[in-house]
Amino acid sequence: MKNVPRVVLGLGLTAAWGRRVTRGIMTYAERHGPWDCELPLTGPFTADTLRRLGKVHGLIVPSDLAALVTTTLGRNVPVVAVGTTGPSAVPKHLPHLYENHAEIAKMALEHFLERGFRNFAYYAFRGYYMAKIHGNAFLNALQPHQFQCSWFKKEEGIREAANDLKMNEWVRKLPKPVAILASWDGAAREVTMACKKMKIDVPEQVAVLGIGNDEYQCLFCSPHLSSVDTGLERLGYEAAQTLDNMLRKKEGGKVKGGPVLLPPIRVVTRQSTDVIAVNDERVAAAIRNIHDHLSTGINVKQLVRELSIGRRTLELAFEKHLGRTVYDEIVRTQIARASQLLEDGNLSVAKIAQHCGIQQPSHFCAFFKKHTGTTPLEYRSRNQRQRYQGIP
């Protein structure tokens, strides 16, 4: 029997981030192992903890522990760092995999712009180091568009109730409709709770988007929260693959050190951003009509007749406020609904086609492939939420 590598995972499992990254590591180990994986943390991760480990072949640890590990165990033990580095930098010789915050912010902004928002805000929750990174990335993404962004940060050293009152007042005074990006899903949940207390409609007046796609945070509330899936399982999977290359001494026994940035997977759209924000009542009425009658096969001709408005007038209004045609909006809504149904459950392609107003499954398959580049069943196989997003 071949020697089984003893791999130590220094990731905490009390938070969704650590659990999801660890799940990706375990998926790699199951496919390419066996590995003897250990999770030794029952308290603080210290030099004494590391010394008591005995013989280990490699470690995957959060970035802020990487320097401690190499100082204690030396440079001959393979180590992979994961996650955004804290104040202590990761030693340059170590591979360091983490989320691409610029791409996360860009994806969030595109999600908001597609829905017509022009007012933006950012809510920074506890853990301000990471919150600041996400917030600055969002400001940088907004800069080329010349949009302003109001920023709220909870203050340290004052009572929670006082912070809540300040945050409530901040939300109340924001120009509406407004799109708020929160530093993580728990922060997004706080925003929706504040809106509920103040009787501010979500998403009609305030659309809220989190980061991380922690389904416990996103689904155990009303409305359900949209969130950027940053691909944490993939982060763990690729970290494990990197460590495996080091253990097997691939590429001449060397793995390049330094940062490796992984892009986010997608925005998982749920109720908290499922809206189109426009001040033109004609466009708003048309969008409501598209959503309400999508399953009956709505088209542009039926829409203008239903709204008693000239087609040219409606088209100009759509171009002005959304930058797309009425037909484009119908197609966008059909594809969005089909994608959600394919991801969320096991409805047949024929049933999903009917929900999108297309009666013939063959026509629906051709339509879906034309606009997404993949068939419905291929899309379902790649994107169903119970699968680990981004893992090959």
Protein backbone atom coordinates (compact mmCIF):
# COMPACT_ATOMS: atom_id res chain seq x y z
CA MET A 1 0.00 0.00 0.00
CA LYS A 2 1.41 3.41 -0.96
CA ASN A 3 2.21 5.98 1.68
CA VAL A 4 -0.76 8.20 2.44
CA PRO A 5 0.15 11.89 2.87
CA ARG A 6 -0.77 13.42 6.22
CA VAL A 7 -2.27 16.83 5.43
CA VAL A 8 -3.26 19.36 8.08
CA LEU A 9 -6.08 21.82 7.36
CA GLY A 10 -5.89 24.90 9.55
CA LEU A 11 -9.32 26.21 8.56
CA GLY A 12 -12.01 26.94 11.11
CA LEU A 13 -15.36 25.28 10.48
CA THR A 14 -17.58 27.60 12.52
CA ALA A 15 -18.03 30.02 9.58
CA ALA A 16 -19.38 29.27 6.12
CA TRP A 17 -16.13 30.44 4.49
CA GLY A 18 -14.05 27.76 6.23
CA ARG A 19 -16.64 25.02 5.72
CA ARG A 20 -16.96 25.67 1.98
CA VAL A 21 -13.22 25.92 1.35
CA THR A 22 -12.72 22.70 3.33
CA ARG A 23 -15.44 21.00 1.28
CA GLY A 24 -13.51 21.82 -1.89
CA ILE A 25 -10.31 20.41 -0.37
CA MET A 26 -12.07 17.21 0.64
CA THR A 27 -13.55 16.84 -2.85
CA TYR A 28 -10.06 16.94 -4.33
CA ALA A 29 -8.76 14.48 -1.75
CA GLU A 30 -11.60 12.06 -2.50
CA ARG A 31 -10.88 12.17 -6.23
CA HIS A 32 -7.08 12.19 -6.19
CA GLY A 33 -6.07 10.85 -2.76
CA PRO A 34 -6.20 9.14 -0.48
CA TRP A 35 -5.10 11.80 1.99
CA ASP A 36 -5.06 11.54 5.75
CA CYS A 37 -6.57 14.94 6.56
CA GLU A 38 -6.60 16.44 10.02
CA LEU A 39 -8.41 19.42 11.51
CA PRO A 40 -6.47 19.95 14.75
CA LEU A 41 -7.98 23.22 15.88
CA THR A 42 -9.77 23.18 19.21
CA GLY A 43 -8.27 26.51 20.29
CA PRO A 44 -5.89 29.19 19.02
CA PHE A 45 -3.48 28.16 16.27
CA THR A 46 -0.07 28.69 17.92
CA ALA A 47 3.54 27.61 17.48
CA ASP A 48 2.99 25.01 20.22
CA THR A 49 -0.02 23.64 18.31
CA LEU A 50 2.17 23.22 15.24
CA ARG A 51 5.01 21.54 17.12
CA ARG A 52 2.63 19.00 18.64
CA LEU A 53 1.46 17.91 15.20
CA GLY A 54 4.46 15.68 14.70
CA LYS A 55 5.27 14.49 11.19
CA VAL A 56 3.12 16.20 8.55
CA HIS A 57 3.55 16.20 4.78
CA GLY A 58 1.76 19.46 4.00
CA LEU A 59 -0.65 22.11 5.26
CA ILE A 60 -3.39 24.32 3.88
CA VAL A 61 -3.93 27.30 6.16
CA PRO A 62 -5.59 30.74 6.15
CA SER A 63 -3.28 33.43 4.81
CA ASP A 64 -2.85 35.16 8.16
CA LEU A 65 -1.33 31.97 9.66
CA ALA A 66 1.07 31.22 6.82
CA ALA A 67 4.03 33.16 8.25
CA LEU A 68 3.62 31.44 11.64
CA VAL A 69 3.61 28.00 9.99
CA THR A 70 6.76 28.56 7.94
CA THR A 71 8.57 30.16 10.90
CA THR A 72 7.73 27.21 13.17
CA LEU A 73 8.03 24.25 10.77
CA GLY A 74 10.59 25.64 8.32
CA ARG A 75 10.47 26.07 4.56
CA ASN A 76 10.80 22.37 3.71
CA VAL A 77 7.19 21.55 4.69
CA PRO A 78 4.82 22.33 1.77
CA VAL A 79 2.29 25.02 2.71
CA VAL A 80 -0.51 26.60 0.70
CA ALA A 81 -2.15 29.80 1.96
CA VAL A 82 -5.80 30.57 1.17
CA GLY A 83 -7.93 33.66 1.60
CA THR A 84 -7.20 37.36 1.52
CA THR A 85 -4.13 38.19 3.55
CA GLY A 86 -4.50 40.12 6.78
CA PRO A 87 -1.98 42.56 8.23
CA SER A 88 0.68 39.80 8.24
CA ALA A 89 1.76 39.21 4.66
CA VAL A 90 2.08 35.69 3.25
CA PRO A 91 5.76 34.74 2.68
CA LYS A 92 6.55 35.27 -1.00
CA HIS A 93 7.75 31.71 -1.59
CA LEU A 94 4.32 30.24 -0.69
CA PRO A 95 1.46 29.74 -3.14
CA HIS A 96 -1.36 32.04 -2.04
CA LEU A 97 -4.86 31.56 -3.48
CA TYR A 98 -7.66 34.02 -2.79
CA GLU A 99 -10.74 35.66 -4.21
CA ASN A 100 -10.45 38.38 -6.85
CA HIS A 101 -12.15 41.28 -5.08
CA ALA A 102 -12.05 43.56 -8.12
CA GLU A 103 -13.97 40.97 -10.15
CA ILE A 104 -16.45 40.44 -7.30
CA ALA A 105 -17.18 44.19 -7.23
CA LYS A 106 -17.43 44.36 -11.01
CA MET A 107 -19.88 41.45 -11.08
CA ALA A 108 -22.01 43.05 -8.34
CA LEU A 109 -22.10 46.38 -10.19
CA GLU A 110 -23.05 44.75 -13.50
CA HIS A 111 -25.88 42.98 -11.69
CA PHE A 112 -27.18 46.32 -10.39
CA LEU A 113 -26.70 48.19 -13.68
CA GLU A 114 -28.56 45.49 -15.59
CA ARG A 115 -31.51 46.22 -13.32
CA GLY A 116 -31.41 49.93 -14.02
CA PHE A 117 -29.99 51.24 -10.71
CA ARG A 118 -28.22 54.60 -10.63
CA ASN A 119 -28.02 55.14 -6.85
CA PHE A 120 -25.52 52.99 -4.95
CA ALA A 121 -24.46 52.36 -1.37
CA TYR A 122 -22.14 50.05 0.53
CA TYR A 123 -22.65 48.62 4.03
CA ALA A 124 -19.51 47.55 5.89
CA PHE A 125 -20.22 45.04 8.64
CA ARG A 126 -17.93 43.78 11.42
CA GLY A 127 -14.53 42.48 10.39
CA TYR A 128 -13.65 45.82 8.86
CA TYR A 129 -10.39 44.72 7.23
CA MET A 130 -12.22 42.55 4.69
CA ALA A 131 -15.18 44.93 4.52
CA LYS A 132 -12.83 47.74 3.53
CA ILE A 133 -11.29 45.64 0.75
CA HIS A 134 -14.72 44.84 -0.73
CA GLY A 135 -15.87 48.44 -0.33
CA ASN A 136 -12.83 49.97 -2.01
CA ALA A 137 -13.17 47.49 -4.88
CA PHE A 138 -16.81 48.54 -5.31
CA LEU A 139 -15.83 52.23 -5.34
CA ASN A 140 -13.19 51.49 -7.99
CA ALA A 141 -15.73 49.62 -10.11
CA LEU A 142 -18.13 52.59 -9.90
CA GLN A 143 -15.52 55.20 -10.77
CA PRO A 144 -15.53 54.82 -14.60
CA HIS A 145 -19.32 55.22 -14.55
CA GLN A 146 -19.04 58.40 -12.43
CA PHE A 147 -21.63 57.15 -9.94
CA GLN A 148 -21.47 58.18 -6.29
CA CYS A 149 -21.60 55.64 -3.46
CA SER A 150 -22.69 56.26 0.12
CA TRP A 151 -20.74 54.15 2.62
CA PHE A 152 -21.83 53.14 6.11
CA LYS A 153 -19.50 51.47 8.61
CA LYS A 154 -20.51 50.31 12.05
CA GLU A 155 -18.50 52.17 14.69
CA GLU A 156 -16.38 50.38 17.25
CA GLY A 157 -16.81 51.07 20.95
CA ILE A 158 -20.45 52.14 20.96
CA ARG A 159 -23.53 50.18 21.87
CA GLU A 160 -25.10 47.95 19.24
CA ALA A 161 -28.45 49.69 19.58
CA ALA A 162 -26.81 53.05 18.79
CA ASN A 163 -25.14 51.59 15.71
CA ASP A 164 -28.47 50.17 14.57
CA LEU A 165 -30.19 53.54 14.91
CA LYS A 166 -27.47 55.22 12.86
CA MET A 167 -27.66 52.53 10.19
CA ASN A 168 -31.47 52.79 10.02
CA GLU A 169 -31.22 56.56 9.55
CA TRP A 170 -28.57 56.08 6.85
CA VAL A 171 -30.83 53.69 4.91
CA ARG A 172 -33.83 55.98 5.32
CA LYS A 173 -31.99 58.98 3.87
CA LEU A 174 -30.53 57.19 0.83
CA PRO A 175 -32.02 58.33 -2.50
CA LYS A 176 -34.46 55.72 -3.75
CA PRO A 177 -34.44 53.37 -5.55
CA VAL A 178 -30.98 52.39 -4.31
CA ALA A 179 -28.78 49.32 -4.71
CA ILE A 180 -26.82 48.35 -1.58
CA LEU A 181 -23.85 46.00 -1.70
CA ALA A 182 -23.07 44.51 1.72
CA SER A 183 -19.66 43.24 2.79
CA TRP A 184 -21.02 39.72 3.38
CA ASP A 185 -24.37 37.96 3.59
CA GLY A 186 -24.87 38.60 7.29
CA ALA A 187 -24.52 42.31 6.62
CA ALA A 188 -27.01 42.10 3.77
CA ARG A 189 -29.43 40.42 6.12
CA GLU A 190 -29.07 43.31 8.58
CA VAL A 191 -29.98 45.78 5.83
CA THR A 192 -33.16 43.90 4.94
CA MET A 193 -34.12 43.72 8.63
CA ALA A 194 -33.64 47.48 8.96
CA CYS A 195 -35.79 48.06 5.89
CA LYS A 196 -38.51 45.86 7.34
CA LYS A 197 -38.55 47.89 10.57
CA MET A 198 -38.86 51.14 8.63
CA LYS A 199 -41.42 49.72 6.17
CA ILE A 200 -39.11 50.27 3.20
CA ASP A 201 -39.85 47.83 0.39
CA VAL A 202 -37.14 45.35 -0.63
CA PRO A 203 -36.30 45.16 -3.51
CA GLU A 204 -38.57 47.87 -4.97
CA GLN A 205 -36.99 50.74 -3.01
CA VAL A 206 -33.82 49.09 -1.70
CA ALA A 207 -32.15 46.20 -3.53
CA VAL A 208 -29.67 44.30 -1.35
CA LEU A 209 -26.80 42.09 -2.50
CA GLY A 210 -24.47 40.11 -0.25
CA ILE A 211 -21.10 38.47 -0.85
CA GLY A 212 -20.29 34.80 -0.22
CA ASN A 213 -23.59 33.02 -0.96
CA ASP A 214 -23.93 31.56 2.53
CA GLU A 215 -27.24 29.78 2.02
CA TYR A 216 -28.05 29.75 5.75
CA GLN A 217 -27.90 33.55 5.75
CA CYS A 218 -29.51 33.95 2.33
CA LEU A 219 -32.46 31.57 2.60
CA PHE A 220 -33.46 31.73 6.26
CA CYS A 221 -34.92 35.21 5.92
CA SER A 222 -37.55 37.08 3.96
CA PRO A 223 -36.98 38.19 1.30
CA HIS A 224 -34.35 35.65 0.27
CA LEU A 225 -31.00 37.34 -0.31
CA SER A 226 -29.16 37.60 -3.60
CA SER A 227 -25.42 37.07 -3.25
CA VAL A 228 -22.18 36.86 -5.22
CA ASP A 229 -20.97 33.25 -5.23
CA THR A 230 -17.22 33.75 -4.84
CA GLY A 231 -16.43 30.10 -5.61
CA LEU A 232 -15.13 28.98 -2.22
CA GLU A 233 -15.34 25.26 -3.02
CA ARG A 234 -13.23 25.93 -6.11
CA LEU A 235 -10.77 27.89 -3.96
CA GLY A 236 -10.35 24.85 -1.70
CA TYR A 237 -10.16 22.45 -4.64
CA GLU A 238 -7.43 24.43 -6.39
CA ALA A 239 -5.52 24.90 -3.14
CA ALA A 240 -5.55 21.12 -2.65
CA GLN A 241 -4.43 20.60 -6.24
CA THR A 242 -1.55 23.01 -5.67
CA LEU A 243 -0.52 21.18 -2.50
CA ASP A 244 -0.75 17.85 -4.32
CA ASN A 245 1.64 19.16 -6.98
CA MET A 246 4.07 20.08 -4.19
CA LEU A 247 3.69 16.70 -2.50
CA ARG A 248 4.22 14.79 -5.73
CA LYS A 249 7.16 17.03 -6.66
CA LYS A 250 5.62 17.86 -10.03
CA GLU A 251 7.19 20.44 -12.34
CA GLY A 252 10.70 19.62 -11.16
CA GLY A 253 9.72 19.68 -7.52
CA LYS A 254 8.69 23.34 -7.55
CA VAL A 255 5.38 25.16 -7.45
CA LYS A 256 5.50 28.86 -8.14
CA GLY A 257 4.94 31.00 -5.07
CA GLY A 258 2.96 34.20 -4.92
CA PRO A 259 -0.69 35.21 -5.36
CA VAL A 260 -3.25 33.40 -7.50
CA LEU A 261 -6.54 35.31 -7.82
CA LEU A 262 -9.70 33.33 -8.53
CA PRO A 263 -12.69 35.08 -10.15
CA PRO A 264 -16.21 34.76 -8.69
CA ILE A 265 -18.66 32.26 -10.17
CA ARG A 266 -21.85 34.33 -10.59
CA VAL A 267 -24.51 36.35 -8.84
CA VAL A 268 -27.14 34.03 -7.38
CA THR A 269 -30.27 36.10 -7.92
CA ARG A 270 -32.98 35.80 -5.30
CA GLN A 271 -35.80 38.08 -4.17
CA SER A 272 -33.69 40.90 -2.67
CA THR A 273 -32.54 42.14 -6.11
CA ASP A 274 -35.23 40.67 -8.37
CA VAL A 275 -36.44 44.04 -9.65
CA ILE A 276 -35.91 46.59 -12.38
CA ALA A 277 -35.35 50.09 -10.98
CA VAL A 278 -36.68 52.79 -13.32
CA ASN A 279 -38.46 56.06 -12.69
CA ASP A 280 -40.43 55.84 -15.95
CA GLU A 281 -43.85 54.34 -15.12
CA ARG A 282 -44.31 53.15 -18.73
CA VAL A 283 -41.15 51.04 -18.53
CA ALA A 284 -41.98 49.82 -15.01
CA ALA A 285 -45.49 48.80 -16.13
CA ALA A 286 -44.09 46.99 -19.16
CA ILE A 287 -41.61 45.05 -17.02
CA ARG A 288 -44.33 44.06 -14.54
CA ASN A 289 -46.45 42.90 -17.46
CA ILE A 290 -43.58 40.82 -18.89
CA HIS A 291 -43.07 39.07 -15.54
CA ASP A 292 -46.78 38.54 -14.93
CA HIS A 293 -47.52 37.10 -18.38
CA LEU A 294 -44.24 35.41 -19.28
CA SER A 295 -45.70 31.90 -19.19
CA THR A 296 -48.42 32.85 -21.72
CA GLY A 297 -45.87 33.79 -24.37
CA ILE A 298 -45.85 37.59 -24.18
CA ASN A 299 -44.41 39.46 -27.16
CA VAL A 300 -43.81 43.12 -28.03
CA LYS A 301 -47.01 43.48 -30.06
CA GLN A 302 -49.16 42.11 -27.23
CA LEU A 303 -47.35 44.29 -24.72
CA VAL A 304 -47.95 47.61 -26.46
CA ARG A 305 -51.58 46.67 -27.00
CA GLU A 306 -52.00 45.75 -23.33
CA LEU A 307 -50.44 49.05 -22.21
CA SER A 308 -52.18 51.21 -24.85
CA ILE A 309 -48.88 52.83 -25.82
CA GLY A 310 -47.11 53.35 -29.11
CA ARG A 311 -44.39 50.83 -29.88
CA ARG A 312 -41.88 53.51 -30.85
CA THR A 313 -42.57 55.44 -27.64
CA LEU A 314 -42.02 52.35 -25.51
CA GLU A 315 -38.87 51.35 -27.39
CA LEU A 316 -37.34 54.81 -26.89
CA ALA A 317 -38.19 54.70 -23.19
CA PHE A 318 -36.51 51.28 -22.82
CA GLU A 319 -33.40 52.45 -24.67
CA LYS A 320 -33.18 55.55 -22.48
CA HIS A 321 -33.62 53.87 -19.10
CA LEU A 322 -32.25 50.36 -19.65
CA GLY A 323 -30.10 50.58 -22.75
CA ARG A 324 -31.88 47.67 -24.41
CA THR A 325 -34.98 46.99 -26.50
CA VAL A 326 -38.31 45.66 -25.29
CA TYR A 327 -37.61 42.37 -27.08
CA ASP A 328 -34.20 42.15 -25.39
CA GLU A 329 -35.93 42.55 -22.01
CA ILE A 330 -38.40 39.76 -22.79
CA VAL A 331 -35.54 37.46 -23.79
CA ARG A 332 -33.51 38.43 -20.70
CA THR A 333 -36.47 37.60 -18.47
CA GLN A 334 -37.07 34.26 -20.20
CA ILE A 335 -33.43 33.23 -19.89
CA ALA A 336 -33.28 34.35 -16.24
CA ARG A 337 -36.39 32.36 -15.34
CA ALA A 338 -35.23 29.29 -17.25
CA SER A 339 -31.78 29.43 -15.64
CA GLN A 340 -33.24 29.69 -12.15
CA LEU A 341 -35.61 26.77 -12.71
CA LEU A 342 -32.80 24.65 -14.14
CA GLU A 343 -30.56 25.41 -11.16
CA ASP A 344 -33.15 25.10 -8.41
CA GLY A 345 -34.96 21.87 -9.10
CA ASN A 346 -35.74 18.91 -11.29
CA LEU A 347 -38.56 20.21 -13.49
CA SER A 348 -38.49 18.70 -16.95
CA VAL A 349 -37.29 20.80 -19.87
CA ALA A 350 -40.84 20.72 -21.25
CA LYS A 351 -42.26 22.19 -18.02
CA ILE A 352 -39.56 24.86 -17.86
CA ALA A 353 -40.26 25.80 -21.47
CA GLN A 354 -43.92 26.35 -20.57
CA HIS A 355 -42.97 28.55 -17.61
CA CYS A 356 -41.03 30.69 -20.09
CA GLY A 357 -43.90 30.93 -22.57
CA ILE A 358 -42.44 28.52 -25.14
CA GLN A 359 -44.68 25.57 -25.87
CA GLN A 360 -42.36 23.34 -27.89
CA PRO A 361 -39.40 21.90 -25.93
CA SER A 362 -37.32 21.72 -29.12
CA HIS A 363 -37.89 25.43 -29.76
CA PHE A 364 -36.98 26.20 -26.15
CA CYS A 365 -33.73 24.19 -26.36
CA ALA A 366 -32.70 26.02 -29.54
CA PHE A 367 -33.65 29.38 -27.98
CA PHE A 368 -31.74 28.68 -24.77
CA LYS A 369 -28.61 27.52 -26.59
CA LYS A 370 -28.69 30.56 -28.88
CA HIS A 371 -28.63 32.96 -25.94
CA THR A 372 -26.42 31.03 -23.47
CA GLY A 373 -24.18 28.91 -25.67
CA THR A 374 -25.25 25.70 -23.94
CA THR A 375 -28.23 23.35 -23.89
CA PRO A 376 -30.63 23.38 -20.91
CA LEU A 377 -29.44 19.98 -19.66
CA GLU A 378 -25.78 20.95 -19.98
CA TYR A 379 -26.53 24.13 -18.06
CA ARG A 380 -28.32 22.19 -15.32
CA SER A 381 -25.47 19.69 -15.00
CA ARG A 382 -22.90 22.47 -14.62
CA ASN A 383 -24.83 24.86 -12.42
CA GLN A 384 -27.17 23.01 -10.06
CA ARG A 385 -26.63 24.48 -6.64
CA GLN A 386 -26.03 21.22 -4.84
CA ARG A 387 -22.90 20.78 -6.95
CA TYR A 388 -19.63 22.46 -5.95
CA GLN A 389 -19.54 25.58 -8.08
CA GLY A 390 -16.48 25.98 -10.27
CA ILE A 391 -14.94 22.56 -9.57
CA PRO A 392 -14.08 20.73 -12.79
